[in-house]
C-alpha cells in the first residue's frame, strides 16, 4: 500500500459515527440560509448560522453582487499585489477603516487568511505573542507561523495574562491576540482590563472582531467600540462571512502597520483577490448595517429573550453575553446524539467538540439572527429541552 494512503487508512472515526447514525457534519442545505431552510426535502429551523444580521438573502445585497459580476466578471485572476486590485476593493477598505475607527485597512479573500497571514508578520524572533487559550483556530495557526516566543493564558484570566506579560523582555514587542467575542462560548474578552495591562507593560493588542461586527457597539462597530477602547487597540480584524453576508476578511490599523502588511503579509500578496461579487456584497451589507439600527435592536431583543428562555428551562449556558448560546453537554457521544435528535425534531444546531473546545466542555451551539421570531425560539427551547432530558443532560 502507498505509504501516504497507509498512514491514514486506519482513520475511521467519522465512519464510526456514521454507522451509529449520528454523524453531524456536511449536512446539505437545499435553500438560501434564513431562519428556516430546506434540508432533505423538509423545512428545518436554522439555529446554526453566523448570519447575525439575517442578510444572506437580502435583495439589495444580491443585486449588488450581480451588478459587480456583470461589470467586473466572476474573478480577478490574480493577487491584489499584481493585477487583482479593483476600485471596489479600495473603496471597501476605506469604508471599513472608517467604520472600525482606524487609519487604513486591507481586505483578504477569507477571514481565516487574515489571521494566518497578518499575525506572523507582526512579530518575529525576539518578540512575544500572547494568546487566550480559547482563541479561534485561525489565530492559533497564525501564531504557529511566527518565530516569536509564544505564550498562552487561561481563558479571560487577567491575572494569568499579567503573569505572561511579566515573563517578557520590557523592550520587546509584545502582541496580545484575542477574540472580541469567543465563537463557541459567546462570552466577551475583558478588553478594558487587557488595555490596562497593555499600557502597564507597553504591549500591543490585536482583536479578532469576527463575531462582534454588526452585533456590538454603535452601528455594529464591534466589541472594541462597545467597550470604548478602539483607540487603544492597535489592530482590528473582521470577517465578511458573518454579519456582512459574504466571504472575505480585513485587518485595520495605523497606516504604517498596514503599509508593512500590504507588502509583506503572505496570504495577502500571494493569494488571489476576493471576487467582485463577494466584495460588492460585503460593501452593501456594511451600508445596510450602518443605516439599519432596527436590525441590531431586533437581534438584541431576540437574543435577550432566548437567553432568558434557555436559562429558565435549566440549560447550562455559561457566561455568554451574545447571540451565541452554548448549551453544554460535556460528553462527545451525547453531543452528537442530541444534534441528531434535534434535527429530527426540526432544529439545526452545531455540535462543538475538541479541538474546538476542551474535552470536558463539549456543547451544542445555538446562534441567533435578527430575523428569528419569539415563536421560533419557543419551538427550539421546547424541542431541545425534550432532547436534553431524554439523554439525561438536564433534569
Protein backbone atom coordinates (compact mmCIF):
# COMPACT_ATOMS: atom_id res chain seq x y z
CA UNK A 1 0.00 0.00 0.00
CA UNK A 2 1.14 3.54 -0.74
CA UNK A 3 2.78 4.93 2.43
CA UNK A 4 0.65 8.08 2.45
CA UNK A 5 -2.53 6.09 2.00
CA UNK A 6 -1.40 3.60 4.63
CA UNK A 7 -0.78 6.41 7.10
CA UNK A 8 -4.43 7.46 7.01
CA UNK A 9 -6.20 4.21 6.19
CA UNK A 10 -6.93 3.47 9.85
CA UNK A 11 -8.66 6.80 10.41
CA UNK A 12 -12.27 5.72 10.64
CA UNK A 13 -13.70 7.85 13.46
CA UNK A 14 -16.17 9.62 11.14
CA UNK A 15 -17.31 6.28 9.78
CA UNK A 16 -17.93 5.03 13.32
CA UNK A 17 -20.35 7.89 13.97
CA UNK A 18 -21.92 7.40 10.53
CA UNK A 19 -22.61 3.78 11.44
CA UNK A 20 -24.37 4.97 14.60
CA UNK A 21 -26.46 7.39 12.55
CA UNK A 22 -25.29 10.49 14.44
CA UNK A 23 -22.60 11.93 12.13
CA UNK A 24 -23.38 15.68 12.24
CA UNK A 25 -21.21 17.25 9.53
CA UNK A 26 -21.60 18.32 5.89
CA UNK A 27 -25.38 18.30 6.07
CA UNK A 28 -26.75 19.56 2.77
CA UNK A 29 -28.99 22.63 2.64
CA UNK A 30 -31.22 22.98 -0.40
CA UNK A 31 -32.21 26.64 0.00
CA UNK A 32 -30.85 30.04 0.95
CA UNK A 33 -29.81 30.50 4.58
CA UNK A 34 -32.53 32.09 6.64
CA UNK A 35 -34.21 31.27 9.93
CA UNK A 36 -35.84 28.39 8.06
CA UNK A 37 -34.05 26.21 5.49
CA UNK A 38 -34.86 23.20 3.34
CA UNK A 39 -32.97 20.01 4.16
CA UNK A 40 -33.79 16.51 2.97
CA UNK A 41 -36.99 17.82 1.47
CA UNK A 42 -38.35 19.33 4.67
CA UNK A 43 -38.26 22.63 6.50
CA UNK A 44 -35.86 22.96 9.43
CA UNK A 45 -35.34 25.92 11.77
CA UNK A 46 -31.78 27.23 11.35
CA UNK A 47 -30.04 27.92 14.65
CA UNK A 48 -26.56 27.15 13.35
CA UNK A 49 -25.80 30.16 11.16
CA UNK A 50 -23.41 33.06 11.83
CA UNK A 51 -25.55 35.44 9.75
CA UNK A 52 -26.38 37.52 12.82
CA UNK A 53 -27.95 40.36 10.81
CA UNK A 54 -30.02 37.94 8.70
CA UNK A 55 -28.77 39.48 5.46
CA UNK A 56 -27.72 36.49 3.35
CA UNK A 57 -30.84 36.67 1.17
CA UNK A 58 -31.29 40.45 1.24
CA UNK A 59 -32.22 41.62 -2.28
CA UNK A 60 -30.08 44.77 -2.12
CA UNK A 61 -27.00 42.64 -1.44
CA UNK A 62 -27.86 40.12 -4.14
CA UNK A 63 -28.39 42.93 -6.64
CA UNK A 64 -25.04 44.50 -5.70
CA UNK A 65 -23.27 41.16 -6.23
CA UNK A 66 -24.96 40.66 -9.61
CA UNK A 67 -24.11 44.18 -10.75
CA UNK A 68 -20.46 43.73 -9.75
CA UNK A 69 -20.27 40.42 -11.61
CA UNK A 70 -21.75 41.98 -14.73
CA UNK A 71 -19.26 44.88 -14.57
CA UNK A 72 -16.05 43.12 -13.48
CA UNK A 73 -16.64 39.42 -14.26
CA UNK A 74 -16.53 36.42 -11.97
CA UNK A 75 -12.96 36.74 -10.72
CA UNK A 76 -9.81 38.86 -10.77
CA UNK A 77 -7.38 36.12 -11.90
CA UNK A 78 -4.55 37.40 -9.75
CA UNK A 79 -3.41 38.76 -6.43
CA UNK A 80 -4.06 42.23 -5.09
CA UNK A 81 -0.33 42.98 -5.42
CA UNK A 82 -0.37 42.47 -9.18
CA UNK A 83 -3.46 42.52 -11.40
CA UNK A 84 -6.18 41.81 -8.85
CA UNK A 85 -6.99 45.20 -7.31
CA UNK A 86 -10.35 46.69 -8.30
CA UNK A 87 -11.67 50.10 -7.37
CA UNK A 88 -14.34 48.42 -5.21
CA UNK A 89 -11.62 46.66 -3.18
CA UNK A 90 -10.04 50.02 -2.39
CA UNK A 91 -13.39 51.67 -1.65
CA UNK A 92 -14.40 48.87 0.72
CA UNK A 93 -11.08 49.13 2.56
CA UNK A 94 -11.58 52.85 3.10
CA UNK A 95 -15.12 52.31 4.38
CA UNK A 96 -14.07 49.51 6.73
CA UNK A 97 -11.21 51.56 8.17
CA UNK A 98 -13.61 54.41 8.89
CA UNK A 99 -16.21 52.01 10.29
CA UNK A 100 -13.88 50.50 12.90
CA UNK A 101 -12.07 53.77 13.61
CA UNK A 102 -8.64 53.13 12.10
CA UNK A 103 -6.35 54.82 9.55
CA UNK A 104 -6.35 52.15 6.88
CA UNK A 105 -7.45 48.58 6.13
CA UNK A 106 -6.60 45.60 3.92
CA UNK A 107 -9.16 43.15 2.53
CA UNK A 108 -8.32 39.45 2.23
CA UNK A 109 -10.16 36.63 0.45
CA UNK A 110 -11.13 34.93 3.72
CA UNK A 111 -11.15 35.84 7.38
CA UNK A 112 -9.02 32.80 8.22
CA UNK A 113 -6.21 34.00 5.98
CA UNK A 114 -6.23 37.41 7.67
CA UNK A 115 -5.08 35.88 10.95
CA UNK A 116 -2.92 33.33 9.19
CA UNK A 117 -1.06 35.99 7.22
CA UNK A 118 -1.05 39.05 9.47
CA UNK A 119 -0.05 37.65 12.86
CA UNK A 120 3.31 36.14 11.79
CA UNK A 121 4.22 39.41 10.04
CA UNK A 122 3.68 41.48 13.18
CA UNK A 123 6.04 39.59 15.50
CA UNK A 124 9.27 37.69 14.92
CA UNK A 125 12.36 36.45 16.71
CA UNK A 126 12.90 38.31 19.94
CA UNK A 127 9.22 39.31 20.14
CA UNK A 128 6.31 37.77 22.03
CA UNK A 129 2.80 36.72 21.05
CA UNK A 130 0.35 36.17 23.92
CA UNK A 131 -2.98 34.44 23.28
CA UNK A 132 -6.09 33.48 25.17
CA UNK A 133 -6.27 29.68 25.26
CA UNK A 134 -9.69 29.77 23.59
CA UNK A 135 -8.69 31.93 20.65
CA UNK A 136 -10.00 30.85 17.24
CA UNK A 137 -8.15 28.22 15.19
CA UNK A 138 -7.10 30.87 12.66
CA UNK A 139 -5.28 32.73 15.43
CA UNK A 140 -3.67 29.50 16.56
CA UNK A 141 -2.44 28.78 13.03
CA UNK A 142 -1.25 32.36 12.61
CA UNK A 143 0.83 32.29 15.78
CA UNK A 144 2.29 28.90 14.82
CA UNK A 145 3.74 30.52 11.70
CA UNK A 146 5.52 33.15 13.77
CA UNK A 147 9.08 32.89 15.05
CA UNK A 148 8.13 34.90 18.14
CA UNK A 149 8.09 33.37 21.61
CA UNK A 150 4.56 32.09 22.10
CA UNK A 151 2.71 32.38 25.40
CA UNK A 152 -0.85 31.46 26.37
CA UNK A 153 -3.04 32.42 29.30
CA UNK A 154 -6.13 30.79 30.77
CA UNK A 155 -9.34 32.00 29.17
CA UNK A 156 -10.22 35.55 30.22
CA UNK A 157 -7.98 35.25 33.29
CA UNK A 158 -6.37 38.65 33.61
CA UNK A 159 -4.06 37.60 36.42
CA UNK A 160 -2.75 34.84 34.17
CA UNK A 161 -2.29 37.33 31.32
CA UNK A 162 -0.31 39.64 33.56
CA UNK A 163 1.96 36.78 34.64
CA UNK A 164 2.72 36.04 30.99
CA UNK A 165 3.47 39.71 30.32
CA UNK A 166 5.85 39.73 33.26
CA UNK A 167 7.89 36.99 31.53
CA UNK A 168 8.57 39.23 28.54
CA UNK A 169 11.61 41.39 27.92
CA UNK A 170 10.49 45.00 28.55
CA UNK A 171 11.85 46.36 25.25
CA UNK A 172 10.49 43.55 23.05
CA UNK A 173 7.30 43.76 21.01
CA UNK A 174 4.53 42.05 22.97
CA UNK A 175 1.39 41.31 20.93
CA UNK A 176 -1.76 40.27 22.79
CA UNK A 177 -4.10 38.50 20.34
CA UNK A 178 -7.67 37.86 21.42
CA UNK A 179 -11.16 37.21 20.10
CA UNK A 180 -13.59 40.03 20.86
CA UNK A 181 -16.44 37.52 21.06
CA UNK A 182 -15.41 33.92 21.62
CA UNK A 183 -17.09 31.99 18.83
CA UNK A 184 -18.07 28.83 20.71
CA UNK A 185 -18.81 30.13 24.21
CA UNK A 186 -20.30 33.52 23.25
CA UNK A 187 -18.56 35.46 26.03
CA UNK A 188 -16.54 38.64 25.53
CA UNK A 189 -12.87 39.38 26.02
CA UNK A 190 -12.19 41.62 29.00
CA UNK A 191 -10.86 44.37 26.75
CA UNK A 192 -10.86 47.17 29.36
CA UNK A 193 -8.53 45.15 31.59
CA UNK A 194 -6.43 43.98 28.63
CA UNK A 195 -5.97 47.63 27.66
CA UNK A 196 -4.90 48.46 31.22
CA UNK A 197 -2.28 45.72 31.07
CA UNK A 198 -1.19 46.83 27.61
CA UNK A 199 -0.38 50.26 28.96
CA UNK A 200 1.33 48.90 32.07
CA UNK A 201 3.64 46.59 30.10
CA UNK A 202 3.97 48.58 26.85
CA UNK A 203 2.28 45.85 24.80
CA UNK A 204 0.12 45.93 21.65
CA UNK A 205 -3.36 44.48 21.10
CA UNK A 206 -4.86 42.65 18.12
CA UNK A 207 -8.61 41.94 18.36
CA UNK A 208 -10.49 39.49 16.18
CA UNK A 209 -13.95 41.04 15.69
CA UNK A 210 -15.34 38.22 13.52
CA UNK A 211 -18.38 37.72 15.76
CA UNK A 212 -18.57 41.27 17.10
CA UNK A 213 -19.13 43.30 13.93
CA UNK A 214 -22.78 44.00 13.27
CA UNK A 215 -23.65 42.87 16.79
CA UNK A 216 -21.91 45.11 19.35
CA UNK A 217 -21.15 48.82 19.51
CA UNK A 218 -22.57 51.87 17.79
CA UNK A 219 -23.95 50.85 14.37
CA UNK A 220 -22.47 47.40 14.93
CA UNK A 221 -18.86 48.62 15.00
CA UNK A 222 -17.80 45.78 17.29
CA UNK A 223 -16.68 44.92 20.79
CA UNK A 224 -13.84 47.46 20.76
CA UNK A 225 -16.41 50.21 20.22
CA UNK A 226 -18.75 48.59 22.75
CA UNK A 227 -16.08 48.94 25.45
CA UNK A 228 -14.87 52.32 24.19
CA UNK A 229 -11.30 51.09 23.67
CA UNK A 230 -10.93 51.42 19.89
CA UNK A 231 -8.10 53.95 20.14
CA UNK A 232 -6.17 51.67 22.50
CA UNK A 233 -6.45 48.60 20.28
CA UNK A 234 -3.67 48.51 17.68
CA UNK A 235 -5.22 46.21 15.10
CA UNK A 236 -8.80 45.11 14.46
CA UNK A 237 -9.65 42.27 12.12
CA UNK A 238 -13.05 41.14 10.95
CA UNK A 239 -14.76 38.78 8.54
CA UNK A 240 -17.39 39.16 5.85
CA UNK A 241 -18.86 35.69 6.39
CA UNK A 242 -20.96 36.54 9.45
CA UNK A 243 -22.93 39.79 9.67
CA UNK A 244 -21.61 41.03 6.32
CA UNK A 245 -23.29 38.18 4.43
CA UNK A 246 -20.40 37.38 2.09
CA UNK A 247 -16.93 35.81 2.19
CA UNK A 248 -13.63 37.51 2.97
CA UNK A 249 -11.96 39.43 5.76
CA UNK A 250 -9.96 42.52 6.65
CA UNK A 251 -7.47 43.97 9.08
CA UNK A 252 -7.40 47.64 10.08
CA UNK A 253 -4.84 49.69 11.97
CA UNK A 254 -2.31 52.53 11.79
CA UNK A 255 -1.24 53.42 8.26
CA UNK A 256 2.39 52.49 8.98
CA UNK A 257 1.45 48.97 10.06
CA UNK A 258 -0.97 48.47 7.17
CA UNK A 259 1.70 49.67 4.72
CA UNK A 260 4.03 46.95 6.03
CA UNK A 261 1.33 44.27 5.81
CA UNK A 262 0.31 45.35 2.32
CA UNK A 263 3.78 44.44 1.07
CA UNK A 264 4.66 41.52 3.38
CA UNK A 265 1.59 39.52 4.52
CA UNK A 266 1.97 36.33 2.53
CA UNK A 267 -1.71 35.35 2.49
CA UNK A 268 -2.41 38.80 1.01
CA UNK A 269 0.29 39.21 -1.63
CA UNK A 270 0.29 35.56 -2.79
CA UNK A 271 -3.46 34.90 -2.69
CA UNK A 272 -5.95 35.66 -5.45
CA UNK A 273 -8.04 38.69 -4.57
CA UNK A 274 -11.65 38.44 -3.48
CA UNK A 275 -14.27 38.12 -6.20
CA UNK A 276 -16.16 41.20 -7.38
CA UNK A 277 -19.43 39.66 -6.22
CA UNK A 278 -18.18 38.91 -2.70
CA UNK A 279 -16.60 42.36 -2.39
CA UNK A 280 -19.71 44.20 -3.55
CA UNK A 281 -21.94 42.05 -1.32
CA UNK A 282 -19.86 42.82 1.77
CA UNK A 283 -19.84 46.52 0.93
CA UNK A 284 -23.61 46.67 0.51
CA UNK A 285 -24.11 44.72 3.73
CA UNK A 286 -21.90 47.25 5.53
CA UNK A 287 -24.08 50.07 4.19
CA UNK A 288 -27.23 48.33 5.38
CA UNK A 289 -25.84 47.69 8.87
CA UNK A 290 -24.72 51.31 9.24
CA UNK A 291 -28.15 52.58 8.23
CA UNK A 292 -30.43 49.97 9.87
CA UNK A 293 -30.26 50.34 13.66
CA UNK A 294 -33.54 48.48 13.91
CA UNK A 295 -31.81 45.27 12.81
CA UNK A 296 -29.35 45.41 15.67
CA UNK A 297 -32.20 46.23 18.03
CA UNK A 298 -34.14 43.20 16.75
CA UNK A 299 -31.10 40.98 17.19
CA UNK A 300 -30.67 42.03 20.81
CA UNK A 301 -34.37 41.70 21.60
CA UNK A 302 -34.44 38.12 20.34
CA UNK A 303 -31.06 37.35 21.95
CA UNK A 304 -32.16 38.54 25.39
CA UNK A 305 -35.42 36.64 25.05
CA UNK A 306 -33.60 33.41 24.08
CA UNK A 307 -31.05 33.74 26.89
CA UNK A 308 -33.89 34.09 29.38
CA UNK A 309 -35.82 31.12 27.96
CA UNK A 310 -32.84 28.75 27.91
CA UNK A 311 -31.84 29.67 31.46
CA UNK A 312 -35.40 29.18 32.70
CA UNK A 313 -35.51 25.76 31.02
CA UNK A 314 -32.47 24.63 33.03
CA UNK A 315 -29.78 24.61 30.36
CA UNK A 316 -26.19 25.32 31.30
CA UNK A 317 -25.19 28.20 29.03
CA UNK A 318 -22.04 29.53 30.68
CA UNK A 319 -21.01 33.19 30.53
CA UNK A 320 -22.37 34.09 27.11
CA UNK A 321 -23.28 37.73 26.51
CA UNK A 322 -24.02 37.46 22.81
CA UNK A 323 -26.29 35.84 20.19
CA UNK A 324 -24.07 32.75 20.54
CA UNK A 325 -25.68 30.48 23.13
CA UNK A 326 -23.71 27.37 24.15
CA UNK A 327 -25.78 24.51 25.56
CA UNK A 328 -23.24 22.44 27.45
CA UNK A 329 -23.40 18.66 27.11
CA UNK A 330 -19.92 17.66 28.38
CA UNK A 331 -19.88 14.34 26.53
CA UNK A 332 -18.88 13.86 22.88
CA UNK A 333 -21.22 10.96 22.13
CA UNK A 334 -24.20 12.75 23.68
CA UNK A 335 -23.26 15.94 21.83
CA UNK A 336 -23.56 14.12 18.50
CA UNK A 337 -26.68 12.30 19.64
CA UNK A 338 -28.51 15.46 20.73
CA UNK A 339 -27.57 17.16 17.46
CA UNK A 340 -29.22 14.32 15.52
CA UNK A 341 -32.25 14.24 17.82
CA UNK A 342 -32.72 17.99 17.45
CA UNK A 343 -32.54 17.71 13.66
CA UNK A 344 -35.20 15.00 13.74
CA UNK A 345 -37.34 17.46 15.70
CA UNK A 346 -36.78 20.16 13.07
CA UNK A 347 -33.92 22.13 14.70
CA UNK A 348 -30.50 22.65 13.08
CA UNK A 349 -27.76 23.24 15.69
CA UNK A 350 -24.00 22.74 15.57
CA UNK A 351 -22.02 20.31 17.73
CA UNK A 352 -18.78 21.57 19.29
CA UNK A 353 -16.17 19.01 20.26
CA UNK A 354 -12.35 19.03 20.51
CA UNK A 355 -10.30 20.70 19.13
CA UNK A 356 -12.92 23.49 19.09
CA UNK A 357 -13.27 23.11 22.86
CA UNK A 358 -11.77 21.17 25.76
CA UNK A 359 -12.92 17.52 26.04
CA UNK A 360 -14.93 18.28 29.18
CA UNK A 361 -16.65 21.29 27.56
CA UNK A 362 -18.45 19.76 24.58
CA UNK A 363 -21.64 21.60 23.69
CA UNK A 364 -24.17 22.36 21.02
CA UNK A 365 -24.11 25.90 19.74
CA UNK A 366 -27.28 27.89 19.16
CA UNK A 367 -26.81 31.06 17.10
CA UNK A 368 -29.42 33.76 16.62
CA UNK A 369 -30.26 36.09 13.76
CA UNK A 370 -32.09 39.41 13.80
CA UNK A 371 -34.80 37.71 11.75
CA UNK A 372 -35.60 34.96 14.28
CA UNK A 373 -39.01 35.22 15.97
CA UNK A 374 -40.05 34.51 19.53
CA UNK A 375 -42.22 31.66 18.24
CA UNK A 376 -39.17 30.06 16.62
CA UNK A 377 -37.15 30.43 19.82
CA UNK A 378 -40.00 28.93 21.88
CA UNK A 379 -40.19 25.97 19.50
CA UNK A 380 -36.43 25.44 19.72
CA UNK A 381 -36.40 25.61 23.52
CA UNK A 382 -39.29 23.13 23.72
CA UNK A 383 -37.69 20.61 21.36
CA UNK A 384 -34.17 20.94 22.76
CA UNK A 385 -35.47 20.55 26.31
CA UNK A 386 -37.12 17.31 25.22
CA UNK A 387 -33.91 16.03 23.63
CA UNK A 388 -31.66 17.01 26.53
CA UNK A 389 -33.99 15.37 29.03
CA UNK A 390 -34.16 12.15 27.05
CA UNK A 391 -30.37 11.92 27.21
CA UNK A 392 -30.24 12.88 30.90
CA UNK A 393 -28.25 16.04 30.25
CA UNK A 394 -30.73 18.24 32.12
CA UNK A 395 -33.40 17.24 34.59
